[in-house]
């Protein structure tokens, strides 16, 4: 299997108020189609690690590879491009623009990337909404749909540039069990049918148990 994401000897220090070693020698690989969850108590370094893996935080030691290319020490502009093109994000809060339609929200990252025409982007966006069974909501304002629907729109938006990997930070944290289950099933289908890699930070044990593997963190280290 081809490796999509690899962390080699990642160390992270917080300098203030005192020197604190927050991530300690993190090593792992995510292959194409892997559905992996990261678990651990609050403060164990999960979100800090996700920030580094998603290229948002560049202040770390070690090496980060995306599609077998070293991306550590890339410029801000390069990283911004890589993030937009290769990494899809799904957070606990959907961060949709409420005054925009569902369709417009999904199109935004592709418009920012600027590699396709408006018509192509609109067509792609409708396709993603169709995959998630919410194409009937395309013209509705984001403020007019339910919480579970919003999270599905956020997933469609994360998929619009056909990323190599989807990263999630508690993507079911705000959802009831029915909608959490929906999101899990969508992720599983994407991993199995489209070979999409997923790396999901979660507190939800039921969710994590059903993923292909669990990375458990404690005190800034991977313990299993």
Protein backbone atom coordinates (compact mmCIF):
# COMPACT_ATOMS: atom_id res chain seq x y z
CA UNK A 1 0.00 0.00 0.00
CA UNK A 2 1.22 3.48 -0.75
CA UNK A 3 1.98 5.70 2.24
CA UNK A 4 -0.05 8.90 2.35
CA UNK A 5 1.24 10.44 5.57
CA UNK A 6 4.31 9.70 7.65
CA UNK A 7 5.58 11.28 10.85
CA UNK A 8 9.22 10.63 11.74
CA UNK A 9 10.63 11.53 15.17
CA UNK A 10 8.24 14.44 15.72
CA UNK A 11 9.03 16.41 18.89
CA UNK A 12 7.24 19.53 20.00
CA UNK A 13 8.09 21.92 22.82
CA UNK A 14 6.04 24.72 24.30
CA UNK A 15 8.49 27.44 25.30
CA UNK A 16 6.23 29.46 27.61
CA UNK A 17 5.72 29.93 30.52
CA UNK A 18 8.36 27.21 31.01
CA UNK A 19 9.89 24.72 28.60
CA UNK A 20 7.45 21.82 28.21
CA UNK A 21 8.04 18.76 26.04
CA UNK A 22 4.53 18.20 24.65
CA UNK A 23 5.12 15.61 21.87
CA UNK A 24 7.84 13.01 22.33
CA UNK A 25 9.31 11.12 19.40
CA UNK A 26 6.12 10.49 17.43
CA UNK A 27 6.46 7.94 14.61
CA UNK A 28 3.69 6.42 12.48
CA UNK A 29 2.42 5.94 8.94
CA UNK A 30 -0.98 6.22 7.33
CA UNK A 31 -1.50 4.17 4.17
CA UNK A 32 -3.99 4.75 1.39
CA UNK A 33 -7.49 3.79 2.55
CA UNK A 34 -6.53 3.58 6.26
CA UNK A 35 -9.26 4.65 8.67
CA UNK A 36 -7.36 5.50 11.86
CA UNK A 37 -8.50 7.09 15.09
CA UNK A 38 -6.35 8.84 17.72
CA UNK A 39 -7.45 8.54 21.34
CA UNK A 40 -6.14 9.71 24.68
CA UNK A 41 -7.08 11.87 27.65
CA UNK A 42 -7.44 15.62 27.30
CA UNK A 43 -4.04 17.26 27.30
CA UNK A 44 -2.16 14.20 26.01
CA UNK A 45 -1.15 16.03 22.83
CA UNK A 46 -3.72 14.75 20.30
CA UNK A 47 -4.84 18.13 19.01
CA UNK A 48 -1.27 19.48 19.06
CA UNK A 49 -0.23 16.52 16.92
CA UNK A 50 -3.13 17.08 14.50
CA UNK A 51 -2.09 20.73 14.08
CA UNK A 52 1.39 19.61 13.07
CA UNK A 53 0.17 16.83 10.77
CA UNK A 54 -2.19 19.27 9.07
CA UNK A 55 0.76 21.66 8.42
CA UNK A 56 -0.86 24.46 10.47
CA UNK A 57 1.89 24.33 13.09
CA UNK A 58 5.44 24.30 11.70
CA UNK A 59 7.30 24.79 14.98
CA UNK A 60 8.41 21.21 15.64
CA UNK A 61 11.43 18.93 15.33
CA UNK A 62 11.37 15.87 13.09
CA UNK A 63 10.07 15.15 9.61
CA UNK A 64 6.63 15.07 8.07
CA UNK A 65 5.98 13.41 4.71
CA UNK A 66 2.85 13.69 2.57
CA UNK A 67 2.61 11.28 -0.38
CA UNK A 68 6.29 10.41 0.27
CA UNK A 69 7.41 14.03 -0.13
CA UNK A 70 9.11 15.80 2.75
CA UNK A 71 6.99 18.85 3.59
CA UNK A 72 8.82 19.97 6.74
CA UNK A 73 10.46 23.39 6.14
CA UNK A 74 8.24 24.19 3.15
CA UNK A 75 7.29 27.86 2.82
CA UNK A 76 3.96 29.20 4.16
CA UNK A 77 2.61 29.51 0.61
CA UNK A 78 3.62 25.96 -0.30
CA UNK A 79 2.02 24.63 2.87
CA UNK A 80 -1.17 26.59 2.28
CA UNK A 81 -1.40 25.05 -1.20
CA UNK A 82 -0.66 21.52 0.10
CA UNK A 83 -3.27 21.91 2.85
CA UNK A 84 -5.94 23.07 0.45
CA UNK A 85 -5.22 20.47 -2.22
CA UNK A 86 -4.27 17.35 -0.27
CA UNK A 87 -5.86 17.61 3.19
CA UNK A 88 -9.57 17.79 3.95
CA UNK A 89 -10.66 18.96 7.40
CA UNK A 90 -13.70 18.11 9.46
CA UNK A 91 -13.93 19.75 12.89
CA UNK A 92 -16.28 19.47 15.84
CA UNK A 93 -17.91 22.70 14.66
CA UNK A 94 -18.81 22.77 11.00
CA UNK A 95 -17.60 26.35 10.31
CA UNK A 96 -20.05 26.82 7.45
CA UNK A 97 -20.81 30.35 6.27
CA UNK A 98 -24.45 30.68 7.29
CA UNK A 99 -25.40 33.31 4.70
CA UNK A 100 -24.09 31.12 1.84
CA UNK A 101 -25.97 28.21 0.31
CA UNK A 102 -24.93 24.62 0.99
CA UNK A 103 -23.57 24.38 -2.57
CA UNK A 104 -21.53 27.60 -2.22
CA UNK A 105 -20.02 26.39 1.06
CA UNK A 106 -18.88 23.15 -0.55
CA UNK A 107 -17.38 25.01 -3.54
CA UNK A 108 -15.26 27.41 -1.46
CA UNK A 109 -12.01 25.39 -1.07
CA UNK A 110 -12.00 24.58 -4.80
CA UNK A 111 -12.50 28.23 -5.72
CA UNK A 112 -9.60 29.10 -3.44
CA UNK A 113 -7.43 26.46 -5.12
CA UNK A 114 -8.37 27.93 -8.50
CA UNK A 115 -7.48 24.91 -10.66
CA UNK A 116 -10.92 24.39 -12.22
CA UNK A 117 -13.61 26.49 -13.87
CA UNK A 118 -16.68 27.61 -11.93
CA UNK A 119 -18.83 25.10 -13.87
CA UNK A 120 -16.48 22.21 -13.07
CA UNK A 121 -16.37 23.15 -9.38
CA UNK A 122 -20.16 23.41 -9.22
CA UNK A 123 -20.48 20.00 -10.90
CA UNK A 124 -17.93 18.45 -8.48
CA UNK A 125 -19.71 20.00 -5.49
CA UNK A 126 -23.07 18.58 -6.58
CA UNK A 127 -21.41 15.19 -6.97
CA UNK A 128 -20.04 15.29 -3.42
CA UNK A 129 -23.45 16.33 -2.07
CA UNK A 130 -24.96 13.43 -4.01
CA UNK A 131 -22.49 10.93 -2.49
CA UNK A 132 -23.59 12.13 0.96
CA UNK A 133 -27.31 12.07 0.04
CA UNK A 134 -27.80 15.80 0.61
CA UNK A 135 -27.94 17.09 -2.97
CA UNK A 136 -31.57 18.12 -2.33
CA UNK A 137 -30.23 20.72 0.14
CA UNK A 138 -27.87 22.37 -2.38
CA UNK A 139 -29.76 25.66 -2.69
CA UNK A 140 -30.69 26.00 0.98
CA UNK A 141 -28.82 28.42 3.18
CA UNK A 142 -26.46 26.73 5.61
CA UNK A 143 -28.39 28.39 8.47
CA UNK A 144 -31.57 26.54 7.47
CA UNK A 145 -30.41 22.93 7.82
CA UNK A 146 -30.04 20.61 10.85
CA UNK A 147 -26.87 19.92 12.84
CA UNK A 148 -26.41 16.47 11.33
CA UNK A 149 -26.89 17.88 7.82
CA UNK A 150 -24.39 20.66 8.52
CA UNK A 151 -21.74 18.11 9.45
CA UNK A 152 -22.41 16.24 6.20
CA UNK A 153 -22.02 19.50 4.27
CA UNK A 154 -18.71 20.02 6.11
CA UNK A 155 -17.61 16.54 4.95
CA UNK A 156 -18.61 17.33 1.35
CA UNK A 157 -16.57 20.55 1.60
CA UNK A 158 -13.59 18.57 2.92
CA UNK A 159 -13.87 16.25 -0.11
CA UNK A 160 -14.17 18.90 -2.84
CA UNK A 161 -10.49 18.97 -3.87
CA UNK A 162 -10.22 15.14 -3.78
CA UNK A 163 -7.70 15.20 -0.92
CA UNK A 164 -5.20 12.45 -0.11
CA UNK A 165 -6.35 12.40 3.51
CA UNK A 166 -9.18 13.66 5.68
CA UNK A 167 -8.27 14.83 9.18
CA UNK A 168 -10.95 15.18 11.80
CA UNK A 169 -10.87 16.79 15.22
CA UNK A 170 -13.81 15.37 17.22
CA UNK A 171 -16.06 15.42 14.12
CA UNK A 172 -18.88 13.71 16.06
CA UNK A 173 -18.33 15.68 19.30
CA UNK A 174 -21.46 17.80 18.81
CA UNK A 175 -23.72 15.13 17.36
CA UNK A 176 -26.24 12.74 18.89
CA UNK A 177 -25.68 8.99 18.49
CA UNK A 178 -27.82 8.74 15.33
CA UNK A 179 -25.86 11.46 13.55
CA UNK A 180 -22.52 10.22 14.92
CA UNK A 181 -23.31 6.86 13.43
CA UNK A 182 -24.14 8.52 10.11
CA UNK A 183 -20.79 10.30 10.05
CA UNK A 184 -18.96 7.09 10.93
CA UNK A 185 -20.68 5.21 8.10
CA UNK A 186 -19.85 7.97 5.61
CA UNK A 187 -16.17 7.85 6.63
CA UNK A 188 -16.10 4.06 6.42
CA UNK A 189 -17.65 4.11 2.96
CA UNK A 190 -15.16 6.73 1.73
CA UNK A 191 -12.26 4.66 3.03
CA UNK A 192 -13.53 1.41 1.50
CA UNK A 193 -15.00 2.61 -1.79
CA UNK A 194 -12.74 5.53 -2.65
CA UNK A 195 -9.53 4.49 -0.91
CA UNK A 196 -9.56 7.70 1.11
CA UNK A 197 -7.28 7.85 4.18
CA UNK A 198 -8.82 9.19 7.38
CA UNK A 199 -7.17 10.28 10.62
CA UNK A 200 -9.71 11.15 13.29
CA UNK A 201 -9.07 12.48 16.80
CA UNK A 202 -11.99 11.35 18.96
CA UNK A 203 -13.15 10.84 22.55
CA UNK A 204 -15.88 8.51 21.34
CA UNK A 205 -14.81 4.96 22.14
CA UNK A 206 -17.60 3.35 20.12
CA UNK A 207 -16.49 5.33 17.10
CA UNK A 208 -12.80 4.50 17.60
CA UNK A 209 -13.41 0.78 18.14
CA UNK A 210 -14.99 0.52 14.70
CA UNK A 211 -12.08 2.16 12.86
CA UNK A 212 -9.28 0.03 11.33
CA UNK A 213 -6.81 0.99 14.01
CA UNK A 214 -6.49 3.13 17.11
CA UNK A 215 -3.41 5.17 17.96
CA UNK A 216 -3.45 5.74 21.72
CA UNK A 217 -1.56 8.68 23.18
CA UNK A 218 -0.51 9.42 26.72
CA UNK A 219 1.68 12.27 27.97
CA UNK A 220 2.79 13.24 24.47
CA UNK A 221 3.79 9.71 23.44
CA UNK A 222 2.15 7.03 21.34
CA UNK A 223 1.66 4.11 23.69
CA UNK A 224 -0.10 1.71 21.29
